[in-house]
Amino acid sequence: MSKEEFFVDMTCEGCSGAVNRVLSRLEGVQYEIDLPNKKVVIQSENHTADQLLETLKKTGKEARHLCTK
């Protein structure tokens, strides 16, 4: 299971809450939200980096894929 790291332009708890809401709807994902550094690390066996990025963009925040770990 690879880890995908994303930048998400989060500025407050409300922003990280929006990220939590969209990711919690996905089956088979584990994630960590790093609000101070505006990063989200996601582990998933069922979703590609592109699918995860599209999900993150549903928050209305700027999001981009940084790397695969």
N, C-alpha and C. Protein backbone atom coordinates (compact mmCIF):
# COMPACT_ATOMS: atom_id res chain seq x y z
N MET A 1 0.86 -1.18 0.00
CA MET A 1 0.00 0.00 0.00
C MET A 1 0.90 1.23 0.00
N SER A 2 0.76 2.05 -1.03
CA SER A 2 1.59 3.25 -1.10
C SER A 2 0.95 4.40 -0.34
N LYS A 3 1.79 5.35 0.01
CA LYS A 3 1.31 6.57 0.65
C LYS A 3 1.42 7.69 -0.36
N GLU A 4 0.34 8.43 -0.52
CA GLU A 4 0.31 9.58 -1.41
C GLU A 4 0.27 10.84 -0.56
N GLU A 5 1.13 11.80 -0.89
CA GLU A 5 1.16 13.05 -0.14
C GLU A 5 0.61 14.17 -1.01
N PHE A 6 -0.27 14.97 -0.42
CA PHE A 6 -0.93 16.06 -1.14
C PHE A 6 -0.78 17.36 -0.38
N PHE A 7 -0.69 18.45 -1.12
CA PHE A 7 -0.82 19.80 -0.57
C PHE A 7 -2.29 20.16 -0.66
N VAL A 8 -2.86 20.67 0.43
CA VAL A 8 -4.23 21.19 0.41
C VAL A 8 -4.19 22.52 1.15
N ASP A 9 -4.68 23.56 0.52
CA ASP A 9 -4.61 24.91 1.09
C ASP A 9 -5.60 25.07 2.24
N MET A 10 -5.23 24.50 3.39
CA MET A 10 -6.08 24.55 4.59
C MET A 10 -5.56 25.66 5.50
N THR A 11 -6.47 26.48 6.01
CA THR A 11 -6.05 27.57 6.88
C THR A 11 -6.63 27.48 8.29
N CYS A 12 -7.61 26.55 8.50
CA CYS A 12 -8.26 26.48 9.81
C CYS A 12 -8.83 25.09 10.04
N GLU A 13 -9.39 24.90 11.22
CA GLU A 13 -10.00 23.61 11.55
C GLU A 13 -11.19 23.29 10.64
N GLY A 14 -11.88 24.31 10.19
CA GLY A 14 -12.99 24.09 9.26
C GLY A 14 -12.51 23.49 7.96
N CYS A 15 -11.36 23.96 7.49
CA CYS A 15 -10.78 23.43 6.26
C CYS A 15 -10.39 21.96 6.43
N SER A 16 -9.72 21.66 7.53
CA SER A 16 -9.31 20.27 7.76
C SER A 16 -10.55 19.40 7.99
N GLY A 17 -11.60 19.97 8.55
CA GLY A 17 -12.86 19.24 8.72
C GLY A 17 -13.47 18.88 7.38
N ALA A 18 -13.37 19.78 6.41
CA ALA A 18 -13.88 19.50 5.06
C ALA A 18 -13.10 18.36 4.42
N VAL A 19 -11.79 18.36 4.61
CA VAL A 19 -10.94 17.28 4.08
C VAL A 19 -11.35 15.96 4.75
N ASN A 20 -11.54 16.00 6.05
CA ASN A 20 -11.95 14.81 6.79
C ASN A 20 -13.28 14.27 6.27
N ARG A 21 -14.23 15.16 6.00
CA ARG A 21 -15.55 14.74 5.51
C ARG A 21 -15.46 14.03 4.17
N VAL A 22 -14.71 14.59 3.21
CA VAL A 22 -14.66 13.96 1.88
C VAL A 22 -13.88 12.65 1.91
N LEU A 23 -12.82 12.59 2.71
CA LEU A 23 -12.02 11.36 2.75
C LEU A 23 -12.72 10.26 3.53
N SER A 24 -13.51 10.62 4.53
CA SER A 24 -14.19 9.60 5.33
C SER A 24 -15.25 8.86 4.52
N ARG A 25 -15.66 9.42 3.40
CA ARG A 25 -16.65 8.77 2.53
C ARG A 25 -16.02 7.68 1.65
N LEU A 26 -14.70 7.70 1.54
CA LEU A 26 -14.01 6.71 0.70
C LEU A 26 -13.77 5.43 1.49
N GLU A 27 -13.97 4.31 0.83
CA GLU A 27 -13.76 3.03 1.48
C GLU A 27 -12.29 2.63 1.37
N GLY A 28 -11.74 2.11 2.44
CA GLY A 28 -10.39 1.56 2.41
C GLY A 28 -9.27 2.58 2.39
N VAL A 29 -9.48 3.76 2.96
CA VAL A 29 -8.41 4.74 3.03
C VAL A 29 -8.07 5.04 4.49
N GLN A 30 -6.79 5.29 4.71
CA GLN A 30 -6.30 5.80 5.99
C GLN A 30 -5.59 7.09 5.66
N TYR A 31 -5.73 8.10 6.52
CA TYR A 31 -5.12 9.38 6.20
C TYR A 31 -4.73 10.14 7.45
N GLU A 32 -3.78 11.03 7.26
CA GLU A 32 -3.34 11.94 8.31
C GLU A 32 -3.40 13.34 7.75
N ILE A 33 -3.98 14.26 8.51
CA ILE A 33 -4.08 15.66 8.10
C ILE A 33 -3.08 16.46 8.92
N ASP A 34 -2.18 17.16 8.24
CA ASP A 34 -1.18 18.01 8.88
C ASP A 34 -1.55 19.46 8.56
N LEU A 35 -2.40 20.03 9.40
CA LEU A 35 -2.93 21.38 9.15
C LEU A 35 -1.83 22.45 9.11
N PRO A 36 -0.87 22.48 10.07
CA PRO A 36 0.15 23.54 10.03
C PRO A 36 0.97 23.55 8.74
N ASN A 37 1.24 22.35 8.18
CA ASN A 37 2.04 22.27 6.96
C ASN A 37 1.21 22.12 5.70
N LYS A 38 -0.12 22.16 5.86
CA LYS A 38 -1.06 22.08 4.74
C LYS A 38 -0.85 20.83 3.89
N LYS A 39 -0.65 19.69 4.58
CA LYS A 39 -0.42 18.42 3.88
C LYS A 39 -1.40 17.37 4.35
N VAL A 40 -1.71 16.46 3.43
CA VAL A 40 -2.54 15.30 3.74
C VAL A 40 -1.81 14.09 3.17
N VAL A 41 -1.58 13.08 4.02
CA VAL A 41 -0.96 11.83 3.57
C VAL A 41 -2.05 10.76 3.61
N ILE A 42 -2.23 10.09 2.47
CA ILE A 42 -3.31 9.11 2.33
C ILE A 42 -2.75 7.77 1.90
N GLN A 43 -3.19 6.72 2.60
CA GLN A 43 -2.88 5.34 2.21
C GLN A 43 -4.16 4.73 1.67
N SER A 44 -4.06 4.11 0.50
CA SER A 44 -5.23 3.49 -0.10
C SER A 44 -4.81 2.36 -1.03
N GLU A 45 -5.54 1.26 -0.95
CA GLU A 45 -5.30 0.15 -1.88
C GLU A 45 -6.23 0.24 -3.08
N ASN A 46 -7.33 0.99 -2.94
CA ASN A 46 -8.38 0.97 -3.95
C ASN A 46 -8.45 2.21 -4.83
N HIS A 47 -7.68 3.25 -4.52
CA HIS A 47 -7.82 4.52 -5.22
C HIS A 47 -6.47 5.00 -5.74
N THR A 48 -6.47 5.54 -6.95
CA THR A 48 -5.25 6.09 -7.53
C THR A 48 -5.01 7.49 -6.97
N ALA A 49 -3.81 8.00 -7.19
CA ALA A 49 -3.49 9.36 -6.76
C ALA A 49 -4.42 10.36 -7.42
N ASP A 50 -4.76 10.14 -8.69
CA ASP A 50 -5.67 11.05 -9.41
C ASP A 50 -7.07 11.03 -8.79
N GLN A 51 -7.55 9.87 -8.41
CA GLN A 51 -8.87 9.77 -7.77
C GLN A 51 -8.86 10.48 -6.42
N LEU A 52 -7.79 10.30 -5.66
CA LEU A 52 -7.68 10.96 -4.35
C LEU A 52 -7.62 12.47 -4.52
N LEU A 53 -6.88 12.93 -5.52
CA LEU A 53 -6.78 14.36 -5.78
C LEU A 53 -8.14 14.95 -6.13
N GLU A 54 -8.89 14.27 -6.98
CA GLU A 54 -10.23 14.76 -7.34
C GLU A 54 -11.13 14.81 -6.11
N THR A 55 -10.99 13.85 -5.22
CA THR A 55 -11.78 13.86 -3.99
C THR A 55 -11.40 15.07 -3.13
N LEU A 56 -10.12 15.33 -2.99
CA LEU A 56 -9.66 16.48 -2.19
C LEU A 56 -10.15 17.80 -2.78
N LYS A 57 -10.22 17.88 -4.10
CA LYS A 57 -10.67 19.11 -4.76
C LYS A 57 -12.15 19.39 -4.49
N LYS A 58 -12.90 18.39 -4.08
CA LYS A 58 -14.32 18.58 -3.75
C LYS A 58 -14.49 19.47 -2.52
N THR A 59 -13.42 19.70 -1.77
CA THR A 59 -13.50 20.59 -0.61
C THR A 59 -13.57 22.05 -1.05
N GLY A 60 -13.23 22.34 -2.31
CA GLY A 60 -13.19 23.71 -2.79
C GLY A 60 -11.86 24.38 -2.53
N LYS A 61 -10.93 23.65 -1.94
CA LYS A 61 -9.60 24.19 -1.65
C LYS A 61 -8.63 23.79 -2.77
N GLU A 62 -7.60 24.61 -2.93
CA GLU A 62 -6.55 24.24 -3.88
C GLU A 62 -5.89 22.98 -3.36
N ALA A 63 -5.68 22.01 -4.26
CA ALA A 63 -5.04 20.75 -3.88
C ALA A 63 -4.15 20.29 -5.02
N ARG A 64 -3.01 19.70 -4.66
CA ARG A 64 -2.14 19.11 -5.68
C ARG A 64 -1.36 17.95 -5.08
N HIS A 65 -1.04 17.00 -5.94
CA HIS A 65 -0.29 15.81 -5.54
C HIS A 65 1.18 16.21 -5.40
N LEU A 66 1.78 15.85 -4.28
CA LEU A 66 3.19 16.18 -4.06
C LEU A 66 4.10 15.01 -4.40
N CYS A 67 3.82 13.84 -3.85
CA CYS A 67 4.68 12.70 -4.10
C CYS A 67 4.04 11.40 -3.63
N THR A 68 4.67 10.30 -4.06
CA THR A 68 4.30 8.96 -3.59
C THR A 68 5.43 8.50 -2.69
N LYS A 69 5.08 8.01 -1.53
CA LYS A 69 6.11 7.53 -0.58
C LYS A 69 6.12 6.03 -0.54
